[in-house]
Amino acid sequence: VKRYSNGRINYIKTDNWGGPARPRNIGIKQSKGKYIAFCDDDDIWLPQKLEK
């Protein structure tokens, strides 16, 4: 995460409980961007994923 530090990416540490919903909700509440995208460990992020 430090390698990508440029003001647009923030690392938020949470306790490991509640499944994926809890950290996602925390991230959504702290987000400032217009769009939010999730990439889970079983997802494939293709280059055109965020294109309109």
N, C-alpha and C. Protein backbone atom coordinates (compact mmCIF):
# COMPACT_ATOMS: atom_id res chain seq x y z
N VAL A 1 0.83 -1.19 0.00
CA VAL A 1 0.00 0.00 0.00
C VAL A 1 0.88 1.25 0.00
N LYS A 2 1.96 1.23 0.74
CA LYS A 2 2.84 2.40 0.78
C LYS A 2 3.38 2.75 -0.60
N ARG A 3 3.58 1.75 -1.44
CA ARG A 3 4.10 1.97 -2.78
C ARG A 3 3.15 2.82 -3.61
N TYR A 4 1.85 2.75 -3.32
CA TYR A 4 0.84 3.48 -4.08
C TYR A 4 0.39 4.75 -3.38
N SER A 5 1.10 5.18 -2.38
CA SER A 5 0.71 6.34 -1.60
C SER A 5 0.79 7.61 -2.46
N ASN A 6 -0.37 8.16 -2.79
CA ASN A 6 -0.42 9.39 -3.57
C ASN A 6 -1.61 10.26 -3.19
N GLY A 7 -2.22 10.01 -2.05
CA GLY A 7 -3.36 10.81 -1.62
C GLY A 7 -4.70 10.26 -2.06
N ARG A 8 -4.72 9.37 -3.05
CA ARG A 8 -5.99 8.81 -3.52
C ARG A 8 -6.29 7.46 -2.87
N ILE A 9 -5.28 6.83 -2.29
CA ILE A 9 -5.45 5.51 -1.69
C ILE A 9 -5.16 5.62 -0.21
N ASN A 10 -6.09 5.16 0.61
CA ASN A 10 -5.92 5.19 2.06
C ASN A 10 -6.03 3.78 2.62
N TYR A 11 -5.14 3.44 3.52
CA TYR A 11 -5.17 2.14 4.19
C TYR A 11 -5.94 2.30 5.49
N ILE A 12 -6.95 1.47 5.68
CA ILE A 12 -7.76 1.51 6.90
C ILE A 12 -7.69 0.13 7.53
N LYS A 13 -7.10 0.02 8.72
CA LYS A 13 -6.99 -1.26 9.40
C LYS A 13 -8.22 -1.48 10.26
N THR A 14 -8.82 -2.67 10.14
CA THR A 14 -9.98 -3.03 10.95
C THR A 14 -9.72 -4.36 11.63
N ASP A 15 -10.47 -4.64 12.67
CA ASP A 15 -10.40 -5.95 13.31
C ASP A 15 -11.00 -6.99 12.38
N ASN A 16 -10.55 -8.23 12.51
CA ASN A 16 -10.98 -9.30 11.63
C ASN A 16 -12.24 -9.98 12.17
N TRP A 17 -13.37 -9.33 12.01
CA TRP A 17 -14.65 -9.95 12.35
C TRP A 17 -15.75 -9.28 11.55
N GLY A 18 -16.81 -10.02 11.28
CA GLY A 18 -17.95 -9.46 10.57
C GLY A 18 -17.94 -9.76 9.09
N GLY A 19 -16.98 -10.55 8.62
CA GLY A 19 -16.95 -10.86 7.20
C GLY A 19 -16.58 -9.64 6.37
N PRO A 20 -16.81 -9.69 5.06
CA PRO A 20 -16.41 -8.58 4.19
C PRO A 20 -17.30 -7.34 4.32
N ALA A 21 -18.50 -7.49 4.84
CA ALA A 21 -19.43 -6.35 4.89
C ALA A 21 -18.93 -5.24 5.81
N ARG A 22 -18.39 -5.58 6.97
CA ARG A 22 -17.97 -4.56 7.93
C ARG A 22 -16.86 -3.67 7.38
N PRO A 23 -15.73 -4.23 6.90
CA PRO A 23 -14.70 -3.33 6.37
C PRO A 23 -15.15 -2.56 5.13
N ARG A 24 -16.00 -3.15 4.33
CA ARG A 24 -16.52 -2.42 3.16
C ARG A 24 -17.35 -1.23 3.59
N ASN A 25 -18.22 -1.43 4.56
CA ASN A 25 -19.06 -0.33 5.05
C ASN A 25 -18.20 0.77 5.66
N ILE A 26 -17.16 0.40 6.39
CA ILE A 26 -16.25 1.40 6.96
C ILE A 26 -15.57 2.18 5.84
N GLY A 27 -15.09 1.47 4.82
CA GLY A 27 -14.45 2.12 3.69
C GLY A 27 -15.38 3.04 2.93
N ILE A 28 -16.62 2.60 2.74
CA ILE A 28 -17.60 3.44 2.05
C ILE A 28 -17.87 4.72 2.83
N LYS A 29 -18.01 4.60 4.16
CA LYS A 29 -18.27 5.77 4.99
C LYS A 29 -17.11 6.77 4.95
N GLN A 30 -15.88 6.27 4.84
CA GLN A 30 -14.71 7.15 4.85
C GLN A 30 -14.29 7.60 3.45
N SER A 31 -14.95 7.08 2.44
CA SER A 31 -14.54 7.42 1.07
C SER A 31 -14.94 8.85 0.72
N LYS A 32 -14.20 9.40 -0.23
CA LYS A 32 -14.47 10.76 -0.70
C LYS A 32 -14.65 10.80 -2.20
N GLY A 33 -14.47 9.66 -2.85
CA GLY A 33 -14.54 9.62 -4.30
C GLY A 33 -15.96 9.48 -4.82
N LYS A 34 -16.09 9.60 -6.11
CA LYS A 34 -17.39 9.49 -6.77
C LYS A 34 -17.77 8.03 -6.99
N TYR A 35 -16.78 7.18 -7.21
CA TYR A 35 -17.03 5.77 -7.51
C TYR A 35 -16.31 4.88 -6.53
N ILE A 36 -16.88 3.71 -6.28
CA ILE A 36 -16.27 2.70 -5.42
C ILE A 36 -16.34 1.37 -6.17
N ALA A 37 -15.24 0.64 -6.18
CA ALA A 37 -15.21 -0.68 -6.81
C ALA A 37 -14.54 -1.65 -5.86
N PHE A 38 -15.03 -2.87 -5.83
CA PHE A 38 -14.46 -3.90 -4.98
C PHE A 38 -13.84 -4.99 -5.83
N CYS A 39 -12.73 -5.53 -5.37
CA CYS A 39 -12.07 -6.64 -6.04
C CYS A 39 -11.73 -7.67 -4.97
N ASP A 40 -12.51 -8.72 -4.91
CA ASP A 40 -12.29 -9.78 -3.93
C ASP A 40 -11.23 -10.76 -4.43
N ASP A 41 -10.82 -11.65 -3.54
CA ASP A 41 -9.75 -12.59 -3.89
C ASP A 41 -10.14 -13.56 -5.00
N ASP A 42 -11.42 -13.73 -5.26
CA ASP A 42 -11.85 -14.64 -6.32
C ASP A 42 -12.30 -13.89 -7.58
N ASP A 43 -12.07 -12.59 -7.64
CA ASP A 43 -12.44 -11.77 -8.81
C ASP A 43 -11.26 -11.59 -9.75
N ILE A 44 -11.56 -11.40 -11.00
CA ILE A 44 -10.56 -11.06 -12.01
C ILE A 44 -10.81 -9.62 -12.44
N TRP A 45 -9.81 -8.77 -12.30
CA TRP A 45 -9.95 -7.35 -12.64
C TRP A 45 -9.34 -7.13 -14.02
N LEU A 46 -10.18 -7.11 -15.03
CA LEU A 46 -9.73 -6.89 -16.40
C LEU A 46 -9.45 -5.41 -16.64
N PRO A 47 -8.57 -5.07 -17.58
CA PRO A 47 -8.20 -3.67 -17.80
C PRO A 47 -9.38 -2.75 -18.09
N GLN A 48 -10.42 -3.23 -18.72
CA GLN A 48 -11.56 -2.39 -19.08
C GLN A 48 -12.68 -2.41 -18.04
N LYS A 49 -12.43 -2.95 -16.86
CA LYS A 49 -13.46 -3.09 -15.83
C LYS A 49 -14.16 -1.77 -15.50
N LEU A 50 -13.43 -0.69 -15.45
CA LEU A 50 -14.02 0.59 -15.03
C LEU A 50 -14.38 1.51 -16.19
N GLU A 51 -14.30 1.03 -17.41
CA GLU A 51 -14.68 1.85 -18.55
C GLU A 51 -16.19 1.98 -18.63
N LYS A 52 -16.66 3.07 -19.21
CA LYS A 52 -18.11 3.25 -19.40
C LYS A 52 -18.58 2.44 -20.58
